[in-house]
Amino acid sequence: MLRTARLAVGALVLALTLTVAAPAHAAVWSSSDRWGTWTNGGYTLYNNIWGSGYGAQTIWANSYSNWGVWADHPNTGGIKSYPNATRWVGKRVSALGTTTSSFNVTVPTSGVAFTTAYDIWSSDNAHEIMLWMNKYGPVGPLGTFQVRASVGGHTWDIYRGSNGANNVYSFIRTGNTNSGTVDIRAVAQWLRTNGWWGDVTVGNVQFGYEITSAAGGKDFVTNSFSVTAN
């Protein structure tokens, strides 16, 4: 009887552990692999657990537009991951037509440190634009403050710096938002007009969550996302 009771308790503990550790989403695709990827509709989704000291993270998706992650990263410093959806543009700034992106997310607002952010790259990866749409917890941009400006449909505090591998231009929205549209062409043209980069080719447009901590397990949900590039 005692052995049976112990087995029953053990099974209950295991069931509770699995319930806590798994994301509560039935999806077309999911992965807990550190570098898990999935392609859909011209986009690629990446789990992208690239930092040190990371915990568990599972990405799931019904499509490139509707996806999310469950993350349980410890409450320590340093970025742990950037799960994202990516679309390639491949046009010079001077040749860009309408280039916009829209998003709608549901994210945790306490017990976390992260930002919902675009990461837009030149095709040679020499230049990186970060557009922070919201931020929570002790997170901050790379580089030094340059100016506050309204561009691309939003008002930003703009920072400029280098991570040693590429130039980084961080546009930190002056107020958090969980939905909206960004005029990417306007941002790219602003950088060119101000002499921060030339007529570069815009490569990958990424959108996701740069997560520093999410202790206990948190859900980050992309309700909708798309990039329009003509």
Protein backbone atom coordinates (compact mmCIF):
# COMPACT_ATOMS: atom_id res chain seq x y z
CA MET A 1 0.00 0.00 0.00
CA LEU A 2 2.83 2.41 0.92
CA ARG A 3 4.62 1.70 -2.36
CA THR A 4 1.39 2.27 -4.30
CA ALA A 5 0.82 5.59 -2.53
CA ARG A 6 4.37 6.71 -3.30
CA LEU A 7 3.93 5.83 -6.96
CA ALA A 8 0.68 7.77 -7.08
CA VAL A 9 2.29 10.83 -5.48
CA GLY A 10 5.23 10.59 -7.88
CA ALA A 11 2.91 10.44 -10.87
CA LEU A 12 1.00 13.47 -9.59
CA VAL A 13 4.21 15.49 -9.13
CA LEU A 14 5.36 14.56 -12.63
CA ALA A 15 2.00 15.55 -14.11
CA LEU A 16 2.05 18.90 -12.31
CA THR A 17 5.62 19.54 -13.46
CA LEU A 18 4.74 18.87 -17.08
CA THR A 19 1.68 21.08 -16.80
CA VAL A 20 3.74 24.00 -15.53
CA ALA A 21 6.62 23.54 -17.98
CA ALA A 22 4.63 23.26 -21.21
CA PRO A 23 2.96 26.14 -23.03
CA ALA A 24 -0.82 26.02 -22.97
CA HIS A 25 -1.19 26.33 -26.75
CA ALA A 26 -2.16 23.74 -29.32
CA ALA A 27 -0.36 24.87 -32.45
CA VAL A 28 0.54 23.84 -35.99
CA TRP A 29 4.24 23.87 -35.03
CA SER A 30 6.23 24.13 -31.84
CA SER A 31 9.81 23.61 -30.73
CA SER A 32 11.79 23.70 -27.50
CA ASP A 33 15.07 23.35 -29.40
CA ARG A 34 17.44 26.22 -28.75
CA TRP A 35 17.75 26.96 -32.48
CA GLY A 36 14.34 25.67 -33.62
CA THR A 37 13.11 27.19 -36.93
CA TRP A 38 10.00 27.00 -39.08
CA THR A 39 9.17 28.60 -42.43
CA ASN A 40 5.69 29.74 -43.44
CA GLY A 41 4.32 32.19 -45.99
CA GLY A 42 7.70 33.69 -46.86
CA TYR A 43 8.70 34.18 -43.21
CA THR A 44 10.97 32.19 -40.92
CA LEU A 45 10.33 31.78 -37.20
CA TYR A 46 13.28 31.30 -34.85
CA ASN A 47 13.32 30.16 -31.21
CA ASN A 48 16.78 31.78 -30.99
CA ILE A 49 17.93 31.19 -27.40
CA TRP A 50 21.30 32.81 -27.97
CA GLY A 51 22.38 34.25 -24.61
CA SER A 52 24.09 32.65 -21.62
CA GLY A 53 22.40 31.52 -18.40
CA TYR A 54 19.14 30.77 -20.18
CA GLY A 55 16.27 28.58 -18.97
CA ALA A 56 13.48 26.77 -20.81
CA GLN A 57 11.69 28.25 -23.81
CA THR A 58 9.16 26.84 -26.26
CA ILE A 59 8.08 28.61 -29.44
CA TRP A 60 4.75 27.76 -31.10
CA ALA A 61 3.01 28.95 -34.24
CA ASN A 62 -0.21 28.63 -36.17
CA SER A 63 1.25 30.83 -38.92
CA TYR A 64 3.93 33.50 -39.40
CA SER A 65 1.32 36.00 -38.20
CA ASN A 66 0.06 34.14 -35.12
CA TRP A 67 2.73 32.72 -32.87
CA GLY A 68 4.29 33.06 -29.45
CA VAL A 69 6.65 31.71 -26.84
CA TRP A 70 6.50 30.37 -23.33
CA ALA A 71 9.73 31.32 -21.55
CA ASP A 72 11.14 30.57 -18.10
CA HIS A 73 14.45 32.40 -17.94
CA PRO A 74 16.03 33.18 -14.56
CA ASN A 75 15.97 36.64 -13.02
CA THR A 76 19.57 37.43 -13.91
CA GLY A 77 21.18 40.05 -16.14
CA GLY A 78 21.92 39.62 -19.81
CA ILE A 79 19.66 38.87 -22.77
CA LYS A 80 18.73 35.20 -22.96
CA SER A 81 16.82 35.00 -26.23
CA TYR A 82 15.21 36.78 -29.15
CA PRO A 83 12.43 34.58 -30.52
CA ASN A 84 11.25 36.23 -33.72
CA ALA A 85 9.57 36.09 -37.10
CA THR A 86 11.75 37.24 -40.01
CA ARG A 87 11.07 38.42 -43.55
CA TRP A 88 13.71 39.31 -46.14
CA VAL A 89 13.32 42.63 -48.01
CA GLY A 90 16.48 42.91 -50.16
CA LYS A 91 16.13 46.45 -51.51
CA ARG A 92 18.30 49.55 -51.31
CA VAL A 93 16.93 52.43 -49.27
CA SER A 94 16.56 54.52 -52.45
CA ALA A 95 14.53 51.75 -54.10
CA LEU A 96 12.15 51.03 -51.25
CA GLY A 97 8.49 51.37 -52.05
CA THR A 98 5.87 51.06 -49.36
CA THR A 99 7.63 49.19 -46.55
CA THR A 100 5.57 48.91 -43.40
CA SER A 101 4.89 46.42 -40.65
CA SER A 102 1.93 45.93 -38.35
CA PHE A 103 1.76 43.97 -35.09
CA ASN A 104 -0.50 43.12 -32.18
CA VAL A 105 0.81 41.36 -29.08
CA THR A 106 -0.24 40.22 -25.62
CA VAL A 107 2.67 40.26 -23.17
CA PRO A 108 3.33 40.03 -19.42
CA THR A 109 3.91 43.31 -17.62
CA SER A 110 5.33 42.25 -14.24
CA GLY A 111 8.00 39.85 -13.03
CA VAL A 112 9.82 40.14 -16.34
CA ALA A 113 12.56 42.02 -18.13
CA PHE A 114 12.14 42.22 -21.90
CA THR A 115 11.25 44.38 -24.87
CA THR A 116 8.97 43.78 -27.83
CA ALA A 117 11.25 44.83 -30.67
CA TYR A 118 11.92 44.97 -34.36
CA ASP A 119 15.46 44.11 -35.44
CA ILE A 120 16.11 45.40 -38.96
CA TRP A 121 19.41 44.62 -40.66
CA SER A 122 21.36 45.84 -43.65
CA SER A 123 22.02 42.94 -46.01
CA ASP A 124 25.70 42.80 -45.01
CA ASN A 125 24.81 42.86 -41.29
CA ALA A 126 26.96 45.96 -40.78
CA HIS A 127 23.98 48.01 -39.56
CA GLU A 128 21.21 47.08 -37.14
CA ILE A 129 18.08 49.09 -36.35
CA MET A 130 16.18 48.21 -33.20
CA LEU A 131 12.65 49.55 -32.77
CA TRP A 132 11.47 49.02 -29.20
CA MET A 133 7.67 49.08 -29.14
CA ASN A 134 7.46 48.33 -25.42
CA LYS A 135 9.81 47.53 -22.56
CA TYR A 136 9.42 46.17 -19.04
CA GLY A 137 11.88 45.62 -16.23
CA PRO A 138 15.55 46.64 -16.07
CA VAL A 139 16.42 46.81 -19.77
CA GLY A 140 18.15 49.56 -21.73
CA PRO A 141 19.52 50.28 -25.21
CA LEU A 142 23.10 50.08 -26.44
CA GLY A 143 25.00 53.30 -27.14
CA THR A 144 24.39 56.93 -26.23
CA PHE A 145 21.32 59.10 -26.54
CA GLN A 146 21.26 61.23 -29.71
CA VAL A 147 17.87 62.87 -30.14
CA ARG A 148 14.13 62.57 -29.65
CA ALA A 149 12.35 62.45 -33.00
CA SER A 150 9.03 61.52 -34.57
CA VAL A 151 9.55 59.24 -37.55
CA GLY A 152 7.79 56.25 -39.05
CA GLY A 153 4.54 56.97 -37.21
CA HIS A 154 5.96 57.02 -33.68
CA THR A 155 8.00 59.25 -31.36
CA TRP A 156 11.31 57.78 -30.19
CA ASP A 157 14.31 58.39 -28.00
CA ILE A 158 17.10 57.44 -30.41
CA TYR A 159 20.44 55.95 -29.37
CA ARG A 160 23.51 55.16 -31.43
CA GLY A 161 26.37 52.77 -30.67
CA SER A 162 28.26 49.63 -31.67
CA ASN A 163 28.38 46.13 -30.25
CA GLY A 164 31.81 45.53 -31.74
CA ALA A 165 30.45 43.66 -34.74
CA ASN A 166 28.00 46.18 -36.23
CA ASN A 167 26.53 49.64 -35.79
CA VAL A 168 23.34 49.71 -33.72
CA TYR A 169 20.61 52.36 -33.93
CA SER A 170 18.04 51.95 -31.15
CA PHE A 171 14.68 53.69 -31.45
CA ILE A 172 12.97 53.50 -28.05
CA ARG A 173 9.29 54.39 -28.25
CA THR A 174 8.46 57.11 -25.71
CA GLY A 175 5.40 55.15 -24.54
CA ASN A 176 4.68 51.44 -24.55
CA THR A 177 2.28 50.04 -27.11
CA ASN A 178 1.13 46.50 -27.83
CA SER A 179 -0.15 47.20 -31.34
CA GLY A 180 0.49 49.51 -34.25
CA THR A 181 2.07 50.06 -37.64
CA VAL A 182 5.62 51.20 -38.36
CA ASP A 183 6.77 52.88 -41.57
CA ILE A 184 10.10 51.11 -42.03
CA ARG A 185 10.97 53.05 -45.19
CA ALA A 186 10.64 56.35 -43.28
CA VAL A 187 13.00 55.09 -40.57
CA ALA A 188 15.54 53.89 -43.16
CA GLN A 189 15.37 57.20 -45.03
CA TRP A 190 15.79 59.14 -41.78
CA LEU A 191 19.01 57.26 -41.05
CA ARG A 192 20.30 57.97 -44.57
CA THR A 193 19.32 61.66 -44.46
CA ASN A 194 21.15 62.07 -41.16
CA GLY A 195 24.29 60.41 -42.54
CA TRP A 196 24.22 57.42 -40.20
CA TRP A 197 24.26 55.01 -43.11
CA GLY A 198 24.31 55.29 -46.90
CA ASP A 199 22.13 53.78 -49.59
CA VAL A 200 22.39 50.36 -47.98
CA THR A 201 20.36 47.31 -48.89
CA VAL A 202 17.74 46.53 -46.26
CA GLY A 203 17.90 42.81 -45.52
CA ASN A 204 16.02 40.98 -42.77
CA VAL A 205 13.12 42.57 -40.94
CA GLN A 206 12.65 40.70 -37.68
CA PHE A 207 9.98 41.09 -35.00
CA GLY A 208 9.90 39.40 -31.62
CA TYR A 209 10.75 39.50 -27.93
CA GLU A 210 14.20 40.25 -26.54
CA ILE A 211 13.91 38.46 -23.21
CA THR A 212 16.26 39.02 -20.28
CA SER A 213 14.19 37.30 -17.58
CA ALA A 214 10.82 35.59 -17.25
CA ALA A 215 11.16 33.58 -14.05
CA GLY A 216 8.40 31.09 -13.31
CA GLY A 217 7.26 30.90 -16.93
CA LYS A 218 5.62 33.67 -18.95
CA ASP A 219 3.63 33.75 -22.18
CA PHE A 220 4.43 36.17 -25.02
CA VAL A 221 1.79 36.03 -27.75
CA THR A 222 1.87 37.55 -31.24
CA ASN A 223 -1.79 37.89 -32.15
CA SER A 224 -0.92 39.24 -35.60
CA PHE A 225 2.17 40.38 -37.50
CA SER A 226 3.01 41.17 -41.10
CA VAL A 227 5.51 43.04 -43.27
CA THR A 228 4.48 44.80 -46.48
CA ALA A 229 7.37 45.49 -48.85
CA ASN A 230 6.76 46.76 -52.40
